[in-house]
Amino acid sequence: MDKLLIRGGRQLRGEVLISGAKNAALPELCAALLTDQPVVLHNVPRLQDVSTMLKLVRNMGVSAERDPNEQGGGTVRLNAGDLTRPEAPYELVKTMRASVLALGPLLARFGHAKVSLPGGCAIGSRPVDQHIKGLQAMGAEIVVEHGYMVARLPAGRTRLKGARILTDMVTVTGTENFLMAAALAEGETLLENAAQEPEIVDLAEMLIRMGAKIEGHGTSHIRIQGVETLHGCEHAVVADRIEAGTFLCAVAAAGGEAFLRHARGDHLDAVIDKLRDAGCEVGCEPDGIRIASKGAEQLKAQSFSTTEYPGFPTDMQAQFMALNVIAHGASMVTETIFENRFMHVNEMVRLGARIHVEGKVAMVEGVQQLSGATVMATDLRASASLVIAGLVAEGETLVDRIYHLDRGYDRMEAKLRGLGADIERVTGATA
């Protein structure tokens, strides 16, 4: 099992290329299931979750070829014209929550689908009941049996029907599933309480390129006029705002200067505001974000609460906490999205952090210095936070179970080395 060995204490300087967004690439790979024509996706990140999704669609009978590009994300060419098996089996999706995104497209195009209940990070409950509720409103018959969601259209129907869908909570993957299903439904679908993330907007723009009729994406009310068929398209995946935010926090904590090429400042307003309040200089440019920081000597602790976009993202909570643990003063971090998203706290404490958790609130008291130790990653963003902590800790830090990291970051250690970090990937046998 691979690990990351980090020798802390180096500032980060230079330029890093931000990859395409995992949370846009995964639904857009599923969107290719909606048509029998070729779809070409550019800037697709090299991630474990992307590889799993490609295995999944190939298992269905989809042609999926990858053309890697060393200057950034690769190009993926898909053709679902010969799809013969509208099913997502457990053995292929047990590690990936995004597998549920196959349900809407398969049901909309073929009238039936069988999708395993998904897996993913153990950061709390992310129920699929909202997906089921919304698709049932569009006329689907869905039962959960033997660990699978089995969906079909009623006898005599050949298409889903448009509906008003009001979810009980804001759900990103739910909004994406409904967008894709509604694109081929009969009539108009109105999504209320829809997620507003940039990845939703990017998916909608791809669907529009395929011939879908969508208005209001990027707001809480999205209107879709269903069409009978969609055609192929060519689309570039939007830059990953969470990867960009992670590198911003890494430079802020370690000190130095860096330019994050392709990063979108308008997608990170809440994080950038907090970094500026913490004492960093952050400038947004047409093709990226520039940051300068003096590191721990100047950082001021920042309290924040996670919430849905455009608020402070839950996917950035752990990384910003890694900055807070070495900043001057005390801070209060409130997690409102997932109930188990403080699992990185105990590992940070092993490095010398002072953190006390009460329910949804973590109280952080900044310390002058962290001390390297062996720590264990528990989920994707926790992994990133421990890497950031290791960059500023004295001595060596060994981050175990980085398969979590590989699910969502494209060669993070190589990118950090390019900025001057002393970091290397080692195998379990040599660690």
Protein backbone atom coordinates (compact mmCIF):
# COMPACT_ATOMS: atom_id res chain seq x y z
CA MET A 1 0.00 0.00 0.00
CA ASP A 2 1.46 3.35 -1.06
CA LYS A 3 2.25 6.12 1.42
CA LEU A 4 3.57 9.66 1.21
CA LEU A 5 6.79 10.60 2.99
CA ILE A 6 7.05 14.32 3.64
CA ARG A 7 9.97 16.25 5.10
CA GLY A 8 8.48 19.51 6.26
CA GLY A 9 9.79 23.03 6.48
CA ARG A 10 10.11 24.07 2.83
CA GLN A 11 8.29 27.00 1.29
CA LEU A 12 6.38 26.42 -1.94
CA ARG A 13 7.24 28.46 -5.03
CA GLY A 14 6.43 28.20 -8.71
CA GLU A 15 3.48 27.26 -10.90
CA VAL A 16 1.08 24.33 -10.70
CA LEU A 17 -1.45 23.23 -13.32
CA ILE A 18 -4.91 22.61 -11.87
CA SER A 19 -6.58 19.51 -13.32
CA GLY A 20 -10.14 19.03 -14.45
CA ALA A 21 -12.70 18.63 -11.70
CA LYS A 22 -13.44 15.12 -10.46
CA ASN A 23 -16.96 16.17 -9.51
CA ALA A 24 -17.61 17.39 -13.05
CA ALA A 25 -15.83 14.60 -14.93
CA LEU A 26 -17.76 11.77 -13.25
CA PRO A 27 -21.29 12.97 -14.13
CA GLU A 28 -20.09 14.00 -17.60
CA LEU A 29 -18.80 10.49 -18.24
CA CYS A 30 -22.29 9.28 -17.30
CA ALA A 31 -23.89 11.89 -19.58
CA ALA A 32 -22.30 10.07 -22.53
CA LEU A 33 -24.77 7.24 -21.79
CA LEU A 34 -27.61 9.48 -22.99
CA THR A 35 -26.68 9.25 -26.68
CA ASP A 36 -25.66 6.64 -29.24
CA GLN A 37 -23.26 9.14 -30.82
CA PRO A 38 -19.58 9.78 -29.94
CA VAL A 39 -18.73 12.06 -27.02
CA VAL A 40 -15.27 13.56 -26.53
CA LEU A 41 -14.24 14.91 -23.13
CA HIS A 42 -11.04 16.93 -22.67
CA ASN A 43 -9.19 17.79 -19.46
CA VAL A 44 -10.31 14.59 -17.73
CA PRO A 45 -8.18 14.14 -14.57
CA ARG A 46 -6.18 10.97 -13.96
CA LEU A 47 -7.88 9.76 -10.81
CA GLN A 48 -8.86 6.42 -9.33
CA ASP A 49 -12.55 7.38 -9.38
CA VAL A 50 -12.32 8.26 -13.08
CA SER A 51 -10.66 4.91 -13.82
CA THR A 52 -13.43 3.16 -11.89
CA MET A 53 -16.12 5.03 -13.84
CA LEU A 54 -14.45 4.10 -17.14
CA LYS A 55 -14.40 0.44 -16.08
CA LEU A 56 -18.07 0.76 -15.20
CA VAL A 57 -19.19 2.14 -18.56
CA ARG A 58 -16.99 -0.34 -20.45
CA ASN A 59 -18.68 -3.13 -18.52
CA MET A 60 -21.99 -1.85 -19.91
CA GLY A 61 -20.67 -2.17 -23.46
CA VAL A 62 -19.52 1.43 -23.96
CA SER A 63 -16.41 2.11 -26.01
CA ALA A 64 -14.17 4.32 -23.82
CA GLU A 65 -10.65 5.20 -24.92
CA ARG A 66 -8.25 7.42 -23.03
CA ASP A 67 -5.63 9.63 -24.70
CA PRO A 68 -3.38 10.94 -21.90
CA ASN A 69 -1.83 14.38 -22.18
CA GLU A 70 1.23 15.05 -20.02
CA GLN A 71 0.50 18.79 -19.98
CA GLY A 72 -2.75 18.32 -18.12
CA GLY A 73 -5.86 16.20 -18.19
CA GLY A 74 -6.29 13.59 -20.89
CA THR A 75 -8.93 13.21 -23.57
CA VAL A 76 -11.54 10.47 -23.25
CA ARG A 77 -13.55 9.32 -26.27
CA LEU A 78 -16.79 7.51 -25.52
CA ASN A 79 -19.42 5.85 -27.65
CA ALA A 80 -22.46 4.27 -26.00
CA GLY A 81 -24.02 3.23 -29.31
CA ASP A 82 -23.54 -0.45 -28.53
CA LEU A 83 -24.45 -0.35 -24.84
CA THR A 84 -25.96 -3.73 -24.04
CA ARG A 85 -26.01 -3.93 -20.24
CA PRO A 86 -27.64 -1.00 -18.40
CA GLU A 87 -26.32 -2.15 -15.05
CA ALA A 88 -23.78 -0.92 -12.49
CA PRO A 89 -22.65 -3.95 -10.46
CA TYR A 90 -21.51 -3.73 -6.86
CA GLU A 91 -18.00 -5.04 -7.50
CA LEU A 92 -17.28 -2.05 -9.75
CA VAL A 93 -18.93 0.73 -7.72
CA LYS A 94 -18.35 -0.26 -4.10
CA THR A 95 -15.62 2.36 -3.65
CA MET A 96 -17.34 5.19 -5.51
CA ARG A 97 -20.35 7.22 -4.45
CA ALA A 98 -20.74 8.75 -7.93
CA SER A 99 -21.90 5.44 -9.40
CA VAL A 100 -25.48 6.49 -8.60
CA LEU A 101 -25.12 8.99 -11.47
CA ALA A 102 -25.60 6.15 -13.95
CA LEU A 103 -29.19 5.64 -12.81
CA GLY A 104 -30.82 8.68 -14.41
CA PRO A 105 -29.17 8.44 -17.86
CA LEU A 106 -29.72 4.69 -18.19
CA LEU A 107 -33.37 4.92 -17.16
CA ALA A 108 -34.00 7.91 -19.45
CA ARG A 109 -32.47 6.30 -22.55
CA PHE A 110 -33.29 2.62 -22.13
CA GLY A 111 -36.35 2.65 -19.87
CA HIS A 112 -34.75 0.37 -17.28
CA ALA A 113 -31.60 0.22 -15.14
CA LYS A 114 -30.06 -1.73 -12.28
CA VAL A 115 -27.55 0.19 -10.18
CA SER A 116 -25.85 -0.98 -7.00
CA LEU A 117 -26.21 1.14 -3.90
CA PRO A 118 -22.92 3.07 -3.92
CA GLY A 119 -19.88 3.27 -1.65
CA GLY A 120 -17.27 6.01 -1.24
CA CYS A 121 -15.73 7.91 1.65
CA ALA A 122 -16.95 7.13 5.16
CA ILE A 123 -17.74 10.75 5.97
CA GLY A 124 -21.36 10.32 6.89
CA SER A 125 -24.76 9.48 5.48
CA ARG A 126 -25.39 10.47 1.88
CA PRO A 127 -28.71 8.73 1.21
CA VAL A 128 -29.96 7.96 -2.28
CA ASP A 129 -33.59 8.37 -1.28
CA GLN A 130 -33.71 11.82 -2.89
CA HIS A 131 -32.61 10.33 -6.22
CA ILE A 132 -35.32 7.70 -5.98
CA LYS A 133 -37.97 10.23 -4.96
CA GLY A 134 -37.17 12.53 -7.88
CA LEU A 135 -37.10 9.81 -10.52
CA GLN A 136 -40.35 8.38 -9.18
CA ALA A 137 -41.91 11.82 -9.64
CA MET A 138 -40.88 11.49 -13.31
CA GLY A 139 -42.84 8.26 -13.57
CA ALA A 140 -40.21 5.64 -12.80
CA GLU A 141 -40.95 2.51 -10.82
CA ILE A 142 -38.02 1.86 -8.47
CA VAL A 143 -37.44 -0.82 -5.86
CA VAL A 144 -34.38 -1.49 -3.73
CA GLU A 145 -33.60 -5.19 -3.50
CA HIS A 146 -30.48 -7.20 -2.76
CA GLY A 147 -28.40 -4.01 -2.53
CA TYR A 148 -29.50 -2.71 -5.93
CA MET A 149 -31.79 0.06 -7.15
CA VAL A 150 -33.90 -1.56 -9.88
CA ALA A 151 -35.72 1.01 -12.00
CA ARG A 152 -38.07 0.72 -14.96
CA LEU A 153 -40.75 2.65 -16.80
CA PRO A 154 -44.38 1.58 -16.34
CA ALA A 155 -45.86 -0.68 -18.98
CA GLY A 156 -46.83 1.28 -22.06
CA ARG A 157 -44.47 4.20 -21.44
CA THR A 158 -41.33 4.76 -23.49
CA ARG A 159 -40.06 7.95 -21.85
CA LEU A 160 -39.89 9.53 -18.45
CA LYS A 161 -42.30 12.43 -17.97
CA GLY A 162 -41.45 15.95 -16.88
CA ALA A 163 -42.22 16.83 -13.28
CA ARG A 164 -41.71 19.38 -10.54
CA ILE A 165 -38.99 18.01 -8.24
CA LEU A 166 -38.47 19.60 -4.83
CA THR A 167 -35.85 17.73 -2.82
CA ASP A 168 -35.83 17.69 0.97
CA MET A 169 -32.22 18.86 0.94
CA VAL A 170 -29.76 20.35 -1.51
CA THR A 171 -28.15 17.39 -3.26
CA VAL A 172 -25.43 17.78 -5.88
CA THR A 173 -25.56 14.26 -7.33
CA GLY A 174 -29.35 14.33 -7.13
CA THR A 175 -29.48 17.55 -9.15
CA GLU A 176 -27.09 15.99 -11.70
CA ASN A 177 -29.15 12.80 -11.99
CA PHE A 178 -32.36 14.78 -12.52
CA LEU A 179 -30.71 17.05 -15.10
CA MET A 180 -29.61 14.08 -17.18
CA ALA A 181 -32.89 12.19 -16.83
CA ALA A 182 -35.01 15.26 -17.59
CA ALA A 183 -33.04 16.03 -20.75
CA LEU A 184 -34.75 13.04 -22.45
CA ALA A 185 -38.07 13.20 -20.58
CA GLU A 186 -41.37 14.10 -22.16
CA GLY A 187 -42.37 17.65 -21.30
CA GLU A 188 -40.95 20.14 -18.82
CA THR A 189 -39.11 19.40 -15.58
CA LEU A 190 -38.60 22.02 -12.88
CA LEU A 191 -35.88 21.38 -10.30
CA GLU A 192 -36.41 23.39 -7.11
CA ASN A 193 -33.86 23.57 -4.29
CA ALA A 194 -31.31 22.58 -6.93
CA ALA A 195 -27.58 22.57 -6.17
CA GLN A 196 -25.71 25.55 -7.63
CA GLU A 197 -22.12 24.26 -7.77
CA PRO A 198 -19.90 25.09 -10.78
CA GLU A 199 -19.81 21.38 -11.59
CA ILE A 200 -23.61 21.47 -12.06
CA VAL A 201 -23.22 24.40 -14.46
CA ASP A 202 -20.50 22.56 -16.37
CA LEU A 203 -22.65 19.44 -16.74
CA ALA A 204 -25.59 21.55 -17.93
CA GLU A 205 -23.37 23.27 -20.52
CA MET A 206 -22.26 19.86 -21.79
CA LEU A 207 -25.87 18.66 -22.04
CA ILE A 208 -26.81 21.83 -23.94
CA ARG A 209 -24.00 21.04 -26.40
CA MET A 210 -25.67 17.64 -26.83
CA GLY A 211 -28.98 19.29 -27.70
CA ALA A 212 -30.65 19.59 -24.30
CA LYS A 213 -32.83 22.60 -23.46
CA ILE A 214 -31.86 23.86 -19.99
CA GLU A 215 -32.31 27.22 -18.27
CA GLY A 216 -31.40 28.45 -14.81
CA HIS A 217 -28.38 26.23 -14.14
CA GLY A 218 -26.26 27.87 -11.46
CA THR A 219 -29.40 28.91 -9.56
CA SER A 220 -31.70 27.01 -7.21
CA HIS A 221 -34.39 26.73 -9.91
CA ILE A 222 -33.52 24.85 -13.10
CA ARG A 223 -35.98 24.35 -15.95
CA ILE A 224 -35.50 21.56 -18.51
CA GLN A 225 -37.54 21.02 -21.67
CA GLY A 226 -37.15 17.37 -22.60
CA VAL A 227 -36.11 16.37 -26.13
CA GLU A 228 -36.53 13.03 -27.90
CA THR A 229 -32.83 12.42 -28.57
CA LEU A 230 -29.44 13.90 -27.76
CA HIS A 231 -26.42 13.92 -30.05
CA GLY A 232 -22.69 13.67 -29.39
CA CYS A 233 -20.50 16.59 -28.41
CA GLU A 234 -17.00 17.74 -27.51
CA HIS A 235 -16.51 19.32 -24.10
CA ALA A 236 -13.66 20.34 -21.77
CA VAL A 237 -14.07 19.56 -18.05
CA VAL A 238 -13.98 22.67 -15.84
CA ALA A 239 -10.95 23.17 -13.56
CA ASP A 240 -11.16 21.53 -10.13
CA ARG A 241 -11.93 24.22 -7.56
CA ILE A 242 -11.24 21.87 -4.65
CA GLU A 243 -7.80 20.95 -5.96
CA ALA A 244 -7.14 24.66 -6.45
CA GLY A 245 -8.34 25.44 -2.93
CA THR A 246 -6.15 22.67 -1.54
CA PHE A 247 -3.02 24.11 -3.18
CA LEU A 248 -3.98 27.60 -1.99
CA CYS A 249 -4.10 26.31 1.60
CA ALA A 250 -0.82 24.42 1.13
CA VAL A 251 1.01 27.57 0.00
CA ALA A 252 -0.70 29.62 2.70
CA ALA A 253 0.45 27.24 5.43
CA ALA A 254 3.96 26.51 4.14
CA GLY A 255 4.66 30.04 2.94
CA GLY A 256 5.92 31.12 -0.46
CA GLU A 257 4.41 32.21 -3.75
CA ALA A 258 2.62 30.23 -6.43
CA PHE A 259 0.47 30.61 -9.53
CA LEU A 260 -2.34 28.09 -9.97
CA ARG A 261 -2.88 27.92 -13.71
CA HIS A 262 -6.46 27.34 -14.91
CA ALA A 263 -7.86 27.82 -11.38
CA ARG A 264 -11.12 29.81 -11.31
CA GLY A 265 -11.18 32.51 -8.66
CA ASP A 266 -14.92 33.06 -9.18
CA HIS A 267 -15.50 29.47 -8.02
CA LEU A 268 -13.63 29.97 -4.73
CA ASP A 269 -14.89 33.28 -3.36
CA ALA A 270 -15.59 31.99 0.16
CA VAL A 271 -12.18 30.29 0.50
CA ILE A 272 -10.26 33.22 -0.99
CA ASP A 273 -12.00 35.67 1.36
CA LYS A 274 -10.88 33.59 4.36
CA LEU A 275 -7.31 33.30 3.03
CA ARG A 276 -7.10 37.06 2.65
CA ASP A 277 -8.46 37.54 6.17
CA ALA A 278 -5.79 35.09 7.36
CA GLY A 279 -3.07 37.36 5.98
CA CYS A 280 -2.39 35.95 2.51
CA GLU A 281 -2.19 37.93 -0.69
CA VAL A 282 -4.49 36.36 -3.29
CA GLY A 283 -5.01 37.71 -6.79
CA CYS A 284 -7.41 36.33 -9.40
CA GLU A 285 -6.25 36.53 -13.00
CA PRO A 286 -7.90 35.48 -16.30
CA ASP A 287 -6.04 32.15 -16.41
CA GLY A 288 -5.45 31.39 -12.76
CA ILE A 289 -4.97 32.44 -9.14
CA ARG A 290 -1.80 33.87 -7.61
CA ILE A 291 -1.06 33.53 -3.89
CA ALA A 292 1.72 34.80 -1.62
CA SER A 293 2.08 33.93 2.07
CA LYS A 294 4.67 34.32 4.81
CA GLY A 295 3.41 31.12 6.41
CA ALA A 296 2.77 30.50 10.08
CA GLU A 297 4.57 33.63 11.30
CA GLN A 298 1.84 35.83 9.81
CA LEU A 299 -1.26 33.64 9.58
CA LYS A 300 -4.29 34.62 11.64
CA ALA A 301 -6.78 31.92 12.60
CA GLN A 302 -10.17 32.06 10.86
CA SER A 303 -13.50 30.69 12.04
CA PHE A 304 -15.93 29.42 9.41
CA SER A 305 -18.96 27.24 8.85
CA THR A 306 -19.42 24.91 5.89
CA THR A 307 -22.53 25.25 3.77
CA GLU A 308 -23.80 24.67 0.25
CA TYR A 309 -22.28 26.58 -2.66
CA PRO A 310 -21.59 29.49 -2.86
CA GLY A 311 -20.74 29.22 0.84
CA PHE A 312 -17.59 27.68 2.32
CA PRO A 313 -17.34 24.15 0.85
CA THR A 314 -17.33 21.11 3.10
CA ASP A 315 -14.68 19.68 0.76
CA MET A 316 -12.29 22.45 1.93
CA GLN A 317 -12.96 22.20 5.66
CA ALA A 318 -10.11 19.81 6.52
CA GLN A 319 -7.54 21.62 4.39
CA PHE A 320 -8.31 25.01 5.94
CA MET A 321 -8.18 23.46 9.39
CA ALA A 322 -4.59 22.41 8.61
CA LEU A 323 -3.85 26.10 8.14
CA ASN A 324 -5.67 27.08 11.34
CA VAL A 325 -3.70 24.66 13.53
CA ILE A 326 -0.48 26.69 12.97
CA ALA A 327 -2.10 30.15 12.76
CA HIS A 328 -2.04 32.77 15.53
CA GLY A 329 -5.10 32.65 17.73
CA ALA A 330 -8.09 30.36 18.14
CA SER A 331 -10.78 29.44 15.66
CA MET A 332 -14.07 27.59 15.54
CA VAL A 333 -14.84 25.33 12.59
CA THR A 334 -18.48 24.27 12.17
CA GLU A 335 -19.34 21.37 9.85
CA THR A 336 -22.99 21.44 8.76
CA ILE A 337 -22.98 19.08 5.76
CA PHE A 338 -21.61 15.69 6.91
CA GLU A 339 -21.68 14.29 10.44
CA ASN A 340 -18.39 12.35 10.28
CA ARG A 341 -16.11 14.90 8.67
CA PHE A 342 -13.78 15.52 11.61
CA MET A 343 -11.99 12.18 11.35
CA HIS A 344 -8.75 13.96 10.43
CA VAL A 345 -8.70 15.69 13.82
CA ASN A 346 -7.18 12.79 15.78
CA GLU A 347 -4.43 12.43 13.18
CA MET A 348 -3.64 16.16 13.32
CA VAL A 349 -3.44 15.89 17.10
CA ARG A 350 -0.74 13.23 16.59
CA LEU A 351 1.25 15.93 14.80
CA GLY A 352 0.87 18.29 17.75
CA ALA A 353 -2.29 20.19 16.85
CA ARG A 354 -4.63 21.40 19.59
CA ILE A 355 -8.19 20.63 18.55
CA HIS A 356 -11.26 19.86 20.62
CA VAL A 357 -14.43 18.59 18.97
CA GLU A 358 -17.94 18.96 20.36
CA GLY A 359 -20.58 17.65 17.97
CA LYS A 360 -20.48 19.68 14.76
CA VAL A 361 -17.90 22.15 16.07
CA ALA A 362 -14.12 21.85 16.23
CA MET A 363 -12.30 24.39 18.40
CA VAL A 364 -8.74 24.95 17.20
CA GLU A 365 -5.95 26.65 19.13
CA GLY A 366 -2.96 27.51 16.97
CA VAL A 367 0.46 26.12 17.92
CA GLN A 368 3.92 27.38 17.02
CA GLN A 369 5.15 24.12 15.50
CA LEU A 370 3.85 20.74 14.41
CA SER A 371 6.02 17.65 14.78
CA GLY A 372 6.26 14.96 12.11
CA ALA A 373 4.71 11.55 12.80
CA THR A 374 3.00 8.65 11.06
CA VAL A 375 -0.64 9.45 10.37
CA MET A 376 -3.47 7.63 8.62
CA ALA A 377 -5.80 9.09 6.01
CA THR A 378 -9.47 8.32 6.62
CA ASP A 379 -11.09 9.93 3.58
CA LEU A 380 -10.25 11.97 0.49
CA ARG A 381 -10.10 15.50 1.91
CA ALA A 382 -8.65 14.31 5.24
CA SER A 383 -5.74 12.92 3.22
CA ALA A 384 -5.11 16.34 1.69
CA SER A 385 -5.24 18.06 5.07
CA LEU A 386 -2.62 15.68 6.49
CA VAL A 387 -0.35 16.35 3.52
CA ILE A 388 -0.62 20.10 4.19
CA ALA A 389 0.11 19.55 7.87
CA GLY A 390 3.12 17.41 6.93
CA LEU A 391 4.49 20.20 4.73
CA VAL A 392 4.80 22.49 7.76
CA ALA A 393 5.67 19.91 10.44
CA GLU A 394 9.21 19.57 11.77
CA GLY A 395 10.89 16.34 10.65
CA GLU A 396 9.28 13.52 8.68
CA THR A 397 5.58 12.81 8.29
CA LEU A 398 4.36 9.55 6.78
CA VAL A 399 0.80 9.62 5.47
CA ASP A 400 -0.68 6.13 5.19
CA ARG A 401 -3.69 4.93 3.16
CA ILE A 402 -3.24 7.50 0.41
CA TYR A 403 -5.46 5.50 -1.92
CA HIS A 404 -8.06 7.94 -0.62
CA LEU A 405 -5.94 10.80 -1.98
CA ASP A 406 -5.60 9.14 -5.38
CA ARG A 407 -9.38 9.05 -5.71
CA GLY A 408 -9.53 12.84 -6.00
CA TYR A 409 -6.10 14.35 -6.70
CA ASP A 410 -4.13 13.97 -9.93
CA ARG A 411 -0.52 13.19 -8.88
CA MET A 412 -0.54 15.54 -5.91
CA GLU A 413 2.98 14.62 -4.79
CA ALA A 414 4.43 15.37 -8.24
CA LYS A 415 2.75 18.75 -8.32
CA LEU A 416 3.98 19.60 -4.83
CA ARG A 417 7.52 18.56 -5.76
CA GLY A 418 7.26 20.95 -8.68
CA LEU A 419 6.67 23.70 -6.12
CA GLY A 420 9.72 22.67 -4.08
CA ALA A 421 8.20 20.36 -1.47
CA ASP A 422 10.26 17.43 -0.17
CA ILE A 423 7.69 14.70 -0.72
CA GLU A 424 7.82 11.23 -2.24
CA ARG A 425 5.58 8.24 -2.75
CA VAL A 426 6.81 5.05 -1.10
CA THR A 427 5.48 1.52 -0.98
CA GLY A 428 4.48 -0.21 2.22
CA ALA A 429 7.53 -2.40 2.03
CA THR A 430 9.97 0.51 1.97
CA ALA A 431 8.22 2.92 4.32
